[in-house]
Amino acid sequence: MELGFNIFSYLLVMLLAGIGSFGGGLGGTNIIRDFAINWNWIADEFEFLRIASISQFNGYSQGMMLGGYLGGKEEIGLGIFGVMLGIVAFMLPSVMIIIIILKIGEKLYKNSVFKNSLTYMNLLGAGLICVILWQYTLTVFTIDMIFFIAAAGIAFFLNVFLNIKPSYIILGGIVLGIVWEIMPAARNM
């Protein structure tokens, strides 16, 4: 299907690619590629790959750079306006999604149930990190599960009943781990 370059189709493709790449520009590159090749915005697959590989090294979003390249091509004739139009159209969906999320977050934060539940999110995150570390060490080091249950129980007791701060418990665990590794007699206990 040969459509040629049309500013409205170009904007539509960049907006679609921006939606498809929320969280990272690499997701939108295939959308841009399909339209650019099928509608003859670029000569061939090699031109697309050349521009995509160059845009990897600049630290910016690949899709955003591809959008800017297509808008600034001499054959199209939009110049710097086309570059800026492509970049803005590519970024616009992500910016709008973030604004919507922030507006919803503002309304939720005023809700007392949501506000109070945020205090427990840290505990949930810490628990998730502990489970991931637990599974990782079980897999890599083949350590028995009872060791972690005992360490968690001791840390819980120290924190709740003796009011010792978690940072001190972590530092104490590091010191005990170093002592455990340095002293061979301690390992035989």
Protein backbone atom coordinates (compact mmCIF):
# COMPACT_ATOMS: atom_id res chain seq x y z
CA MET A 1 0.00 0.00 0.00
CA GLU A 2 1.72 3.15 -1.18
CA LEU A 3 0.39 6.14 0.70
CA GLY A 4 3.35 8.50 0.60
CA PHE A 5 3.90 11.10 3.26
CA ASN A 6 0.95 12.92 4.72
CA ILE A 7 1.32 15.07 7.84
CA PHE A 8 -1.88 13.70 9.39
CA SER A 9 -0.89 10.08 8.80
CA TYR A 10 2.56 10.93 10.18
CA LEU A 11 1.04 12.37 13.35
CA LEU A 12 -1.26 9.38 13.72
CA VAL A 13 1.64 6.94 13.39
CA MET A 14 3.73 8.85 15.94
CA LEU A 15 0.80 8.95 18.39
CA LEU A 16 0.23 5.21 17.91
CA ALA A 17 3.92 4.50 18.40
CA GLY A 18 3.91 6.69 21.51
CA ILE A 19 1.01 4.70 22.96
CA GLY A 20 2.77 1.45 22.08
CA SER A 21 5.95 2.52 23.78
CA PHE A 22 4.69 3.71 27.16
CA GLY A 23 7.60 3.06 29.50
CA GLY A 24 10.22 2.76 26.77
CA GLY A 25 10.77 3.86 23.21
CA LEU A 26 11.79 0.48 21.87
CA GLY A 27 8.18 -0.71 21.81
CA GLY A 28 7.18 1.94 19.30
CA THR A 29 9.96 1.23 16.82
CA ASN A 30 8.15 -1.72 15.23
CA ILE A 31 5.03 0.37 14.77
CA ILE A 32 7.07 3.11 13.10
CA ARG A 33 8.95 0.53 11.02
CA ASP A 34 5.80 -1.12 9.67
CA PHE A 35 4.19 2.13 8.61
CA ALA A 36 7.40 3.72 7.32
CA ILE A 37 8.25 0.77 5.08
CA ASN A 38 4.70 -0.01 3.91
CA TRP A 39 3.91 3.63 3.14
CA ASN A 40 7.31 4.30 1.52
CA TRP A 41 8.46 6.93 3.99
CA ILE A 42 11.90 5.34 3.88
CA ALA A 43 13.67 3.59 1.02
CA ASP A 44 14.08 0.11 2.50
CA GLU A 45 14.65 -1.95 5.61
CA PHE A 46 18.35 -1.06 5.59
CA GLU A 47 17.65 2.66 6.03
CA PHE A 48 15.40 1.89 8.99
CA LEU A 49 17.99 -0.38 10.61
CA ARG A 50 20.72 2.22 10.07
CA ILE A 51 18.71 4.96 11.80
CA ALA A 52 17.50 2.61 14.57
CA SER A 53 21.06 1.50 15.34
CA ILE A 54 22.38 5.07 15.37
CA SER A 55 19.60 6.18 17.72
CA GLN A 56 20.57 3.51 20.26
CA PHE A 57 23.80 5.27 21.14
CA ASN A 58 22.48 8.69 22.08
CA GLY A 59 20.73 7.76 25.32
CA TYR A 60 17.30 8.89 24.15
CA SER A 61 14.29 6.89 23.16
CA GLN A 62 14.76 5.01 19.91
CA GLY A 63 11.19 5.63 18.83
CA MET A 64 11.47 9.33 19.56
CA MET A 65 14.62 9.58 17.48
CA LEU A 66 13.04 7.63 14.61
CA GLY A 67 10.05 9.97 14.70
CA GLY A 68 12.34 12.96 14.56
CA TYR A 69 14.33 11.46 11.69
CA LEU A 70 11.24 10.75 9.61
CA GLY A 71 9.85 14.24 10.20
CA GLY A 72 13.12 15.90 9.24
CA LYS A 73 13.85 14.03 6.01
CA GLU A 74 14.59 16.29 3.04
CA GLU A 75 12.12 14.43 0.82
CA ILE A 76 9.32 15.35 3.22
CA GLY A 77 10.28 19.00 3.43
CA LEU A 78 9.17 19.81 7.01
CA GLY A 79 12.70 20.41 8.31
CA ILE A 80 13.12 21.22 12.00
CA PHE A 81 9.35 21.60 12.38
CA GLY A 82 8.93 17.97 11.29
CA VAL A 83 11.58 16.82 13.76
CA MET A 84 9.92 18.62 16.66
CA LEU A 85 6.45 17.50 15.53
CA GLY A 86 7.54 13.86 15.45
CA ILE A 87 9.18 13.99 18.87
CA VAL A 88 6.24 15.79 20.50
CA ALA A 89 3.68 13.47 18.89
CA PHE A 90 5.67 10.43 20.05
CA MET A 91 5.96 11.69 23.64
CA LEU A 92 2.41 13.08 23.97
CA PRO A 93 0.61 9.79 24.84
CA SER A 94 3.09 8.97 27.61
CA VAL A 95 2.81 12.45 29.07
CA MET A 96 -0.99 12.26 28.99
CA ILE A 97 -1.00 8.85 30.70
CA ILE A 98 1.27 10.16 33.45
CA ILE A 99 -0.94 13.23 33.96
CA ILE A 100 -4.01 10.98 34.26
CA ILE A 101 -2.23 8.74 36.77
CA LEU A 102 -1.18 11.77 38.82
CA LYS A 103 -4.71 13.17 38.84
CA ILE A 104 -6.10 9.83 40.00
CA GLY A 105 -3.35 9.66 42.62
CA GLU A 106 -4.26 13.11 43.95
CA LYS A 107 -7.85 12.06 44.47
CA LEU A 108 -6.87 8.73 46.02
CA TYR A 109 -4.38 10.33 48.40
CA LYS A 110 -7.16 12.40 49.93
CA ASN A 111 -9.00 9.17 50.76
CA SER A 112 -8.13 8.08 54.32
CA VAL A 113 -8.31 4.36 53.53
CA PHE A 114 -5.82 4.73 50.69
CA LYS A 115 -3.59 7.05 52.72
CA ASN A 116 -3.43 4.59 55.63
CA SER A 117 -2.78 1.66 53.30
CA LEU A 118 0.31 3.42 51.96
CA THR A 119 1.98 3.04 55.35
CA TYR A 120 1.91 -0.74 54.87
CA MET A 121 3.25 -0.65 51.32
CA ASN A 122 6.80 -0.40 52.66
CA LEU A 123 6.30 -3.60 54.62
CA LEU A 124 4.85 -5.30 51.57
CA GLY A 125 7.82 -4.19 49.45
CA ALA A 126 10.30 -5.32 52.10
CA GLY A 127 8.55 -8.68 52.33
CA LEU A 128 8.66 -9.08 48.56
CA ILE A 129 12.38 -8.30 48.50
CA CYS A 130 12.95 -10.84 51.27
CA VAL A 131 11.06 -13.54 49.37
CA ILE A 132 13.04 -12.83 46.18
CA LEU A 133 16.35 -12.94 48.05
CA TRP A 134 15.23 -16.08 49.83
CA GLN A 135 14.44 -17.87 46.57
CA TYR A 136 17.64 -16.63 44.97
CA THR A 137 19.89 -17.85 47.78
CA LEU A 138 18.03 -21.16 48.02
CA THR A 139 18.61 -21.70 44.32
CA VAL A 140 22.18 -20.47 44.07
CA PHE A 141 23.67 -21.51 47.40
CA THR A 142 21.34 -24.44 48.24
CA ILE A 143 20.88 -23.19 51.79
CA ASP A 144 18.17 -24.79 53.87
CA MET A 145 14.95 -22.81 54.31
CA ILE A 146 14.96 -23.09 58.10
CA PHE A 147 17.92 -20.69 58.31
CA PHE A 148 15.84 -17.86 56.82
CA ILE A 149 12.83 -18.60 58.98
CA ALA A 150 15.03 -18.46 62.09
CA ALA A 151 16.70 -15.20 60.96
CA ALA A 152 13.31 -13.61 60.23
CA GLY A 153 11.98 -14.72 63.60
CA ILE A 154 14.98 -13.30 65.44
CA ALA A 155 14.74 -10.00 63.51
CA PHE A 156 11.02 -9.79 64.28
CA PHE A 157 11.62 -10.43 67.98
CA LEU A 158 14.43 -7.85 68.15
CA ASN A 159 12.33 -5.22 66.41
CA VAL A 160 8.97 -5.74 68.10
CA PHE A 161 9.85 -6.74 71.62
CA LEU A 162 13.20 -5.05 72.16
CA ASN A 163 12.51 -1.98 69.95
CA ILE A 164 15.77 -2.30 68.04
CA LYS A 165 15.76 -0.34 64.78
CA PRO A 166 15.79 -2.42 61.55
CA SER A 167 18.95 -0.68 60.36
CA TYR A 168 20.78 -1.91 63.48
CA ILE A 169 19.44 -5.41 62.92
CA ILE A 170 20.72 -5.36 59.32
CA LEU A 171 24.13 -4.06 60.42
CA GLY A 172 24.27 -6.73 63.10
CA GLY A 173 23.46 -9.38 60.50
CA ILE A 174 26.27 -8.11 58.27
CA VAL A 175 28.74 -8.20 61.17
CA LEU A 176 27.62 -11.73 62.12
CA GLY A 177 27.97 -12.83 58.50
CA ILE A 178 31.51 -11.46 58.30
CA VAL A 179 32.45 -13.11 61.59
CA TRP A 180 30.88 -16.36 60.37
CA GLU A 181 33.05 -16.28 57.23
CA ILE A 182 36.28 -15.20 58.94
CA MET A 183 36.28 -17.61 61.84
CA PRO A 184 36.35 -21.23 60.67
CA ALA A 185 35.57 -22.45 64.18
CA ALA A 186 32.27 -20.59 64.11
CA ARG A 187 31.17 -22.57 61.04
CA ASN A 188 31.59 -25.87 62.85
CA MET A 189 29.20 -24.89 65.62
